[in-house]
Protein backbone atom coordinates (compact mmCIF):
# COMPACT_ATOMS: atom_id res chain seq x y z
CA MET A 1 79.78 127.89 118.03
CA SER A 2 78.68 124.24 118.10
CA ALA A 3 80.09 121.71 120.58
CA ILE A 4 82.06 120.06 117.78
CA GLU A 5 83.59 123.34 116.67
CA GLU A 6 84.47 124.15 120.30
CA GLN A 7 86.15 120.77 120.63
CA TYR A 8 88.39 121.09 117.61
CA GLU A 9 89.32 124.70 118.35
CA ALA A 10 90.42 123.65 121.84
CA TYR A 11 91.87 120.24 120.94
CA PRO A 12 92.77 119.89 117.23
CA TYR A 13 92.84 116.23 116.27
CA PRO A 14 94.92 114.26 115.72
CA GLU A 15 97.49 116.02 117.87
CA ARG A 16 100.46 116.93 115.65
CA ASP A 17 103.65 118.99 116.02
CA PRO A 18 104.51 120.59 112.65
CA GLN A 19 108.23 120.36 113.40
CA GLU A 20 107.93 116.56 113.38
CA GLU A 21 107.58 116.85 109.60
CA ARG A 22 111.36 117.31 109.50
CA LYS A 23 111.78 113.78 110.88
CA ARG A 24 108.98 111.58 109.53
CA LEU A 25 106.07 111.32 107.10
CA ILE A 26 102.89 109.86 108.57
CA THR A 27 101.35 107.47 106.05
CA GLY A 28 98.28 105.30 106.12
CA SER A 29 94.95 104.43 104.52
CA PRO A 30 93.11 105.85 102.75
CA SER A 31 94.78 108.32 100.39
CA HIS A 32 98.29 107.09 99.74
CA PRO A 33 98.71 107.72 95.97
CA LEU A 34 99.70 104.11 95.31
CA GLU A 35 96.54 102.90 97.02
CA ILE A 36 94.37 105.46 95.25
CA ASP A 37 95.73 104.37 91.87
CA HIS A 38 95.27 100.67 92.64
CA PHE A 39 91.64 100.87 93.72
CA ILE A 40 90.28 103.73 91.63
CA TRP A 41 92.21 103.48 88.36
CA GLY A 42 93.37 99.88 88.33
CA GLY A 43 96.97 100.95 88.83
CA ALA A 44 96.99 102.57 85.39
CA ARG A 45 96.56 106.30 86.03
CA ASP A 46 98.56 108.69 83.86
CA TRP A 47 100.30 110.69 86.59
CA SER A 48 101.53 113.31 84.13
CA ARG A 49 97.97 114.69 84.38
CA PRO A 50 97.53 116.86 87.49
CA LEU A 51 95.51 115.19 90.22
CA ARG A 52 92.69 117.44 91.40
CA ALA A 53 91.92 116.34 94.97
CA LEU A 54 89.70 117.39 97.86
CA VAL A 55 90.58 116.64 101.47
CA ALA A 56 87.17 116.94 103.11
CA GLY A 57 87.37 117.54 106.85
CA GLY A 58 91.15 117.53 106.75
CA GLY A 59 91.77 118.13 110.47
CA THR A 60 95.42 118.66 111.34
CA GLY A 61 96.46 117.40 107.94
CA ASP A 62 97.53 113.75 107.91
CA ALA A 63 95.84 112.90 104.59
CA LEU A 64 96.74 116.26 103.06
CA ILE A 65 100.43 115.98 103.92
CA GLN A 66 100.69 112.34 102.84
CA LEU A 67 99.06 113.01 99.48
CA ALA A 68 101.01 116.19 98.71
CA ALA A 69 104.36 114.91 100.02
CA VAL A 70 104.29 111.61 98.11
CA LEU A 71 103.25 113.29 94.86
CA THR A 72 105.88 116.01 95.33
CA ALA A 73 108.60 113.43 95.95
CA ALA A 74 107.51 111.55 92.81
CA GLY A 75 107.55 114.79 90.79
CA LYS A 76 103.85 114.53 89.89
CA PRO A 77 101.54 117.56 89.50
CA TYR A 78 98.53 118.12 91.74
CA GLU A 79 95.98 120.65 92.98
CA ILE A 80 94.60 119.93 96.45
CA THR A 81 91.75 121.72 98.21
CA TYR A 82 91.71 121.31 101.98
CA VAL A 83 88.41 121.98 103.79
CA ASP A 84 87.77 121.97 107.54
CA LEU A 85 85.56 123.87 109.99
CA SER A 86 88.32 124.28 112.58
CA ARG A 87 90.68 127.23 112.22
CA ALA A 88 93.01 125.75 114.83
CA SER A 89 93.25 122.48 112.88
CA ARG A 90 93.77 124.34 109.60
CA LYS A 91 96.62 126.35 111.13
CA ILE A 92 98.44 123.15 112.09
CA ALA A 93 97.88 121.64 108.64
CA GLU A 94 99.24 124.78 106.97
CA GLU A 95 102.29 124.81 109.25
CA ARG A 96 103.02 121.16 108.48
CA ALA A 97 102.84 121.85 104.74
CA ALA A 98 105.07 124.90 105.14
CA VAL A 99 107.75 122.89 106.98
CA ARG A 100 107.84 120.49 104.01
CA GLY A 101 107.70 123.29 101.45
CA LEU A 102 104.58 121.84 99.84
CA ARG A 103 102.78 123.89 97.20
CA GLY A 104 99.60 123.53 95.17
CA ILE A 105 97.27 123.53 98.19
CA THR A 106 94.21 125.75 98.67
CA TYR A 107 92.93 126.05 102.25
CA VAL A 108 89.26 126.62 102.99
CA THR A 109 87.63 127.07 106.40
CA GLY A 110 84.20 125.61 105.81
CA SER A 111 81.96 122.56 105.66
CA LEU A 112 82.36 119.48 103.49
CA LEU A 113 78.61 119.81 102.84
CA ASP A 114 79.61 122.59 100.43
CA ALA A 115 82.13 120.39 98.59
CA ALA A 116 80.49 120.81 95.18
CA ASP A 117 80.97 124.59 95.42
CA HIS A 118 84.68 123.96 94.82
CA GLY A 119 84.15 122.07 91.56
CA ARG A 120 84.57 118.42 90.59
CA PHE A 121 87.47 116.35 91.87
CA ASP A 122 89.43 113.36 90.57
CA TYR A 123 89.87 112.17 94.14
CA ILE A 124 88.20 112.96 97.46
CA ASP A 125 89.59 111.98 100.86
CA CYS A 126 87.17 111.87 103.78
CA CYS A 127 88.85 110.24 106.75
CA GLY A 128 87.25 110.17 110.19
CA VAL A 129 84.59 112.81 109.48
CA LEU A 130 81.30 111.40 108.21
CA HIS A 131 80.58 109.63 111.51
CA HIS A 132 80.67 113.04 113.25
CA LEU A 133 77.98 114.70 111.12
CA SER A 134 74.46 115.23 112.46
CA ASP A 135 73.23 113.82 109.13
CA PRO A 136 75.95 111.53 107.74
CA GLN A 137 73.94 110.73 104.61
CA ALA A 138 74.00 114.42 103.70
CA GLY A 139 77.78 114.21 103.86
CA PHE A 140 77.94 111.17 101.59
CA ASP A 141 75.56 112.90 99.16
CA ALA A 142 77.58 116.14 99.13
CA LEU A 143 80.86 114.36 98.44
CA GLY A 144 79.30 112.20 95.76
CA ALA A 145 78.08 115.36 94.02
CA ALA A 146 81.62 116.78 94.01
CA LEU A 147 83.21 113.73 92.38
CA ALA A 148 84.25 113.73 88.72
CA PRO A 149 82.62 110.96 86.64
CA ASP A 150 85.92 109.05 86.33
CA GLY A 151 87.06 109.85 89.87
CA GLY A 152 86.96 108.08 93.20
CA MET A 153 86.88 108.53 96.92
CA GLY A 154 88.68 107.17 99.98
CA ILE A 155 86.57 106.91 103.15
CA MET A 156 87.29 106.01 106.75
CA VAL A 157 84.52 105.72 109.32
CA TYR A 158 84.35 104.21 112.79
CA ALA A 159 83.11 100.65 113.20
CA PRO A 160 81.03 99.49 116.18
CA TYR A 161 82.39 96.20 117.51
CA GLY A 162 86.05 97.08 117.94
CA ARG A 163 85.00 100.22 119.84
CA SER A 164 83.09 98.34 122.52
CA GLY A 165 82.89 100.37 125.70
CA VAL A 166 83.27 103.74 123.96
CA TYR A 167 79.66 104.75 123.50
CA PRO A 168 78.32 104.17 127.04
CA LEU A 169 81.21 106.31 128.31
CA GLN A 170 80.52 109.03 125.73
CA ASP A 171 76.90 109.13 126.91
CA ALA A 172 77.88 109.18 130.58
CA PHE A 173 80.53 111.86 130.16
CA GLY A 174 78.09 113.91 128.06
CA THR A 175 75.64 113.91 130.97
CA LEU A 176 78.28 114.65 133.61
CA THR A 177 79.93 117.51 131.72
CA SER A 178 76.94 119.19 130.09
CA GLY A 179 77.36 122.96 129.84
CA MET A 180 81.06 122.96 130.72
CA THR A 181 83.91 124.40 128.69
CA PRO A 182 86.01 121.86 126.76
CA GLU A 183 88.85 122.27 129.28
CA ALA A 184 86.55 121.65 132.26
CA ARG A 185 84.94 118.68 130.52
CA LEU A 186 88.33 117.09 129.93
CA LYS A 187 89.47 117.61 133.52
CA LEU A 188 86.35 116.04 135.03
CA ALA A 189 86.23 113.16 132.54
CA ARG A 190 89.85 112.24 133.22
CA ALA A 191 89.18 112.21 136.95
CA VAL A 192 86.11 110.01 136.53
CA TYR A 193 87.89 107.72 134.08
CA ALA A 194 90.61 107.06 136.65
CA ARG A 195 87.92 105.68 138.99
CA LEU A 196 86.33 103.24 136.54
CA PRO A 197 86.51 99.57 137.55
CA GLU A 198 89.06 97.38 135.81
CA GLY A 199 86.24 95.21 134.51
CA HIS A 200 84.63 98.07 132.56
CA PRO A 201 84.19 97.02 128.89
CA PHE A 202 86.24 100.01 127.78
CA ARG A 203 89.17 99.17 130.05
CA ARG A 204 89.08 95.58 128.84
CA ASN A 205 89.20 96.55 125.17
CA PRO A 206 92.88 96.24 124.09
CA HIS A 207 92.28 97.82 120.68
CA LEU A 208 91.60 101.37 121.91
CA VAL A 209 94.62 103.64 122.39
CA ASP A 210 93.68 107.25 121.59
CA HIS A 211 92.88 108.08 125.23
CA ASN A 212 96.51 107.34 126.08
CA GLN A 213 97.88 109.62 123.36
CA GLY A 214 97.28 113.11 124.71
CA ASP A 215 94.36 115.37 125.53
CA ALA A 216 93.11 115.58 121.94
CA GLY A 217 92.97 111.80 121.66
CA PHE A 218 91.14 111.39 124.98
CA TYR A 219 88.62 114.08 124.05
CA ASP A 220 87.97 112.77 120.56
CA LEU A 221 87.44 109.21 121.76
CA LEU A 222 85.45 109.71 124.95
CA LEU A 223 84.04 113.24 124.98
CA HIS A 224 82.88 113.67 121.41
CA SER A 225 79.35 115.09 121.28
CA GLN A 226 78.48 113.55 117.92
CA ASP A 227 79.84 110.11 117.07
CA ARG A 228 78.05 107.19 115.43
CA PRO A 229 79.77 104.07 114.11
CA PHE A 230 78.90 102.23 110.91
CA ALA A 231 78.78 98.48 110.43
CA ILE A 232 80.22 97.67 107.02
CA ASP A 233 76.81 96.94 105.45
CA GLU A 234 75.50 100.27 106.79
CA LEU A 235 78.47 102.05 105.22
CA LEU A 236 77.90 100.37 101.86
CA ALA A 237 74.20 101.32 102.01
CA CYS A 238 75.06 105.00 102.61
CA MET A 239 77.43 104.92 99.67
CA GLU A 240 74.76 103.34 97.48
CA ARG A 241 72.23 106.04 98.36
CA ALA A 242 74.82 108.69 97.45
CA GLY A 243 75.29 107.20 93.98
CA LEU A 244 78.56 105.48 94.85
CA SER A 245 79.78 101.92 94.34
CA PHE A 246 82.23 100.00 96.51
CA ALA A 247 85.61 99.83 94.74
CA GLY A 248 87.58 97.83 97.30
CA ALA A 249 89.19 97.82 100.72
CA PRO A 250 92.94 97.90 101.42
CA MET A 251 92.50 95.03 103.88
CA ALA A 252 90.13 92.86 101.85
CA ALA A 253 91.02 89.75 103.87
CA LEU A 254 89.31 91.24 106.93
CA TYR A 255 85.98 91.10 105.13
CA ASP A 256 86.20 87.45 104.07
CA PRO A 257 84.15 85.31 106.49
CA ALA A 258 85.66 82.13 105.02
CA ARG A 259 88.81 82.79 107.08
CA PHE A 260 86.88 81.70 110.19
CA LEU A 261 85.58 78.42 108.78
CA PRO A 262 87.13 75.05 109.61
CA GLU A 263 88.36 72.88 106.77
CA GLY A 264 85.51 71.49 104.73
CA ALA A 265 82.91 74.02 105.91
CA THR A 266 81.27 76.40 103.46
CA LEU A 267 79.32 79.64 103.68
CA PRO A 268 75.54 79.63 103.23
CA GLU A 269 74.47 80.01 99.62
CA GLY A 270 73.02 83.26 98.37
CA LEU A 271 74.98 85.70 100.54
CA GLY A 272 75.59 88.97 98.72
CA GLN A 273 78.79 90.99 99.02
CA ALA A 274 77.50 93.26 101.80
CA GLU A 275 76.13 90.27 103.72
CA ARG A 276 79.44 88.41 103.50
CA MET A 277 81.38 91.46 104.63
CA ALA A 278 78.96 92.09 107.50
CA LEU A 279 79.25 88.46 108.60
CA ALA A 280 83.06 88.73 108.64
CA GLU A 281 82.88 91.92 110.71
CA LYS A 282 80.65 90.26 113.32
CA LEU A 283 82.85 87.18 113.51
CA ASP A 284 85.99 89.29 113.85
CA GLY A 285 84.66 91.65 116.51
CA THR A 286 87.83 93.78 116.63
CA LEU A 287 87.45 96.20 113.70
CA LYS A 288 87.60 99.79 114.97
CA THR A 289 87.35 101.44 111.57
CA HIS A 290 86.38 100.71 108.00
CA VAL A 291 88.57 102.00 105.17
CA VAL A 292 87.05 101.68 101.71
CA TYR A 293 87.28 103.17 98.26
CA ALA A 294 84.28 104.21 96.18
CA VAL A 295 83.57 105.35 92.63
CA PRO A 296 80.48 106.81 90.94
CA LYS A 297 77.82 104.16 90.38
CA GLY A 298 78.04 102.66 86.92
CA ARG A 299 81.69 103.55 86.40
CA ARG A 300 83.60 100.62 84.98
CA LEU A 301 86.46 99.50 87.20
CA ILE A 302 89.68 98.15 85.71
CA PRO A 303 91.09 95.22 87.73
CA ALA A 304 94.53 96.14 89.07
CA GLY A 305 97.31 93.95 87.73
CA ALA A 306 95.36 92.67 84.74
CA ASP A 307 97.77 94.10 82.15
CA PRO A 308 101.40 92.98 81.59
CA GLY A 309 102.32 96.67 81.81
CA SER A 310 101.07 96.84 85.41
CA VAL A 311 103.69 97.86 87.96
CA PRO A 312 103.60 96.10 91.36
CA HIS A 313 104.64 97.82 94.59
CA LEU A 314 105.20 96.08 97.92
CA LYS A 315 104.06 97.82 101.07
CA GLY A 316 106.30 97.89 104.12
CA VAL A 317 108.99 95.60 102.72
CA SER A 318 111.41 95.57 99.79
CA GLY A 319 111.09 92.98 97.06
CA ALA A 320 114.54 91.66 97.85
CA ASP A 321 113.73 91.15 101.54
CA LEU A 322 110.35 89.58 100.84
CA GLY A 323 111.85 87.30 98.22
CA ARG A 324 114.48 86.04 100.67
CA GLN A 325 111.86 85.38 103.35
CA VAL A 326 109.56 83.51 100.98
CA GLU A 327 112.45 81.47 99.59
CA ARG A 328 113.52 80.53 103.11
CA LYS A 329 110.17 79.83 104.76
CA GLY A 330 107.46 79.68 102.11
CA GLU A 331 105.33 82.00 104.24
CA ILE A 332 105.18 85.40 105.88
CA ILE A 333 103.62 86.52 109.16
CA VAL A 334 101.28 89.51 109.02
CA THR A 335 100.55 91.23 112.33
CA ARG A 336 97.23 93.07 112.63
CA SER A 337 96.51 94.55 116.05
CA ALA A 338 96.61 91.56 118.42
CA SER A 339 96.41 88.98 115.61
CA ARG A 340 99.17 87.17 113.74
CA ILE A 341 98.22 85.78 110.34
CA THR A 342 100.32 83.25 108.45
CA VAL A 343 100.23 83.80 104.69
CA LYS A 344 101.53 80.86 102.65
CA LEU A 345 103.46 81.79 99.49
CA ASP A 346 105.03 79.52 96.88
CA ARG A 347 108.82 79.48 97.26
CA ALA A 348 109.12 79.31 93.47
CA ALA A 349 107.69 82.85 93.30
CA ALA A 350 110.49 84.28 95.47
CA PRO A 351 112.72 85.32 92.52
CA LEU A 352 109.78 87.21 90.99
CA LEU A 353 108.99 89.06 94.22
CA ALA A 354 112.64 90.03 94.53
CA LEU A 355 112.27 92.11 91.34
CA ALA A 356 109.16 93.99 92.48
CA ASP A 357 110.65 97.44 93.03
CA GLY A 358 107.80 99.74 92.01
CA ARG A 359 109.43 100.46 88.66
CA ARG A 360 109.52 97.17 86.76
CA ASN A 361 106.25 96.07 85.21
CA LEU A 362 105.00 92.48 85.15
CA ALA A 363 106.24 91.86 81.62
CA GLU A 364 109.73 93.04 82.58
CA ILE A 365 109.78 90.84 85.69
CA ALA A 366 108.70 87.81 83.67
CA ARG A 367 111.28 88.52 80.96
CA ALA A 368 114.07 88.96 83.52
CA ARG A 369 113.32 85.45 84.85
CA GLY A 370 112.89 83.91 81.41
CA LEU A 371 109.22 83.02 81.85
CA ASP A 372 106.50 83.05 79.22
CA PRO A 373 103.16 84.63 80.20
CA LEU A 374 101.51 81.32 81.17
CA ALA A 375 104.38 80.18 83.37
CA PHE A 376 104.69 83.63 84.92
CA ASN A 377 100.98 83.95 85.76
CA ALA A 378 100.90 80.46 87.26
CA LEU A 379 103.44 81.61 89.85
CA TRP A 380 102.51 85.27 90.17
CA LYS A 381 98.72 85.33 90.39
CA PRO A 382 98.33 83.20 93.59
CA VAL A 383 100.98 85.34 95.31
CA GLU A 384 99.30 88.53 94.06
CA ARG A 385 95.89 87.44 95.42
CA ARG A 386 97.26 86.68 98.87
CA LEU A 387 99.38 89.82 99.15
CA THR A 388 96.75 92.24 97.84
CA ALA A 389 94.16 90.75 100.21
CA GLN A 390 96.47 91.62 103.10
CA GLY A 391 97.16 95.13 101.76
CA LEU A 392 100.79 94.26 101.01
CA MET A 393 100.78 94.66 97.21
CA LEU A 394 99.48 97.56 95.14
CA TYR A 395 99.68 98.42 91.46
CA SER A 396 100.58 101.88 90.19
CA HIS A 397 102.58 103.68 87.50
CA LEU A 398 103.44 106.44 90.00
CA LEU A 399 107.22 105.86 89.86
CA ARG A 400 107.45 105.13 86.14
CA THR A 401 108.91 108.14 84.33
């Protein structure tokens, strides 16, 4: 058994209690159906067609449960294949699904490198896995080969700058604990960690929390035997080599270097998309992960929200509440980690936002407010751009019957 397999048999990650499924649904990016629809199908997917999905390296089941639970609640058909090397992790994922009564899931103990053996998929989730492979490019290639021509993929990998302090400690703990059992490695590493100076780069990094969230979190962050981060341009290059194209990021604003420029300053001419995104990452310095969506190279992407029949959804707030806040202040505050971002929004758009309930389409919202298409777009499009850039607005027909 490899060191990685030993780790996840001893400490399945992330640490989850299946009974917690009775109290809450853990959601996030990638792989919420609304987000998938927005980035991969322009918010226009026909959800009466079953979604054939692969959760590649599914761990204890966060992406699996989110995907299946949201589609089940919406009454939409699906077939999901879960693949992971760890039997202990798979057991937890199965128990979580059983508590929720989820069906339509096939469980496989195996490697994501064999993804194509299970057929072609409309959607593939690979969250927190590719950076743990001995040959990450082989993982990208294998997943690309398992993707249907009109499908897409959600990927999360670790980023380098926001994880400052992690990798020297991983190297040091690897040397100190070589040859030990996972339990012995954890015990010694915790004892050594307690003696690190307060000025250690890891201790001074406020963005890292996993080591404070149980044994599995500590082990995965600081004792992992195979962990390499990707700068955003490195990630895009791996995708390109696998025959994949970048389809968007839920937090697009993070990858815009213009947000750091003073008034009147401009970016150098000739910067390509990957160069701009890489520049933003270096200027930010706090990104711990990258979450992106990808589609097969050459597949034509439909811009979300381009059609009057598009249905807007607001994330984390109701339309009524957002509308009241915009009408009152003309802005909202978005909190990301230790940062607070002020997003200016036209007060005149508040009545439109108040009608965004995930069921009305743009034409219906405009008609309800008595606006012709030109007048509606003049108010709506600037608000849409700002909210989608912050990951607060998505388009999908998921809740339309």
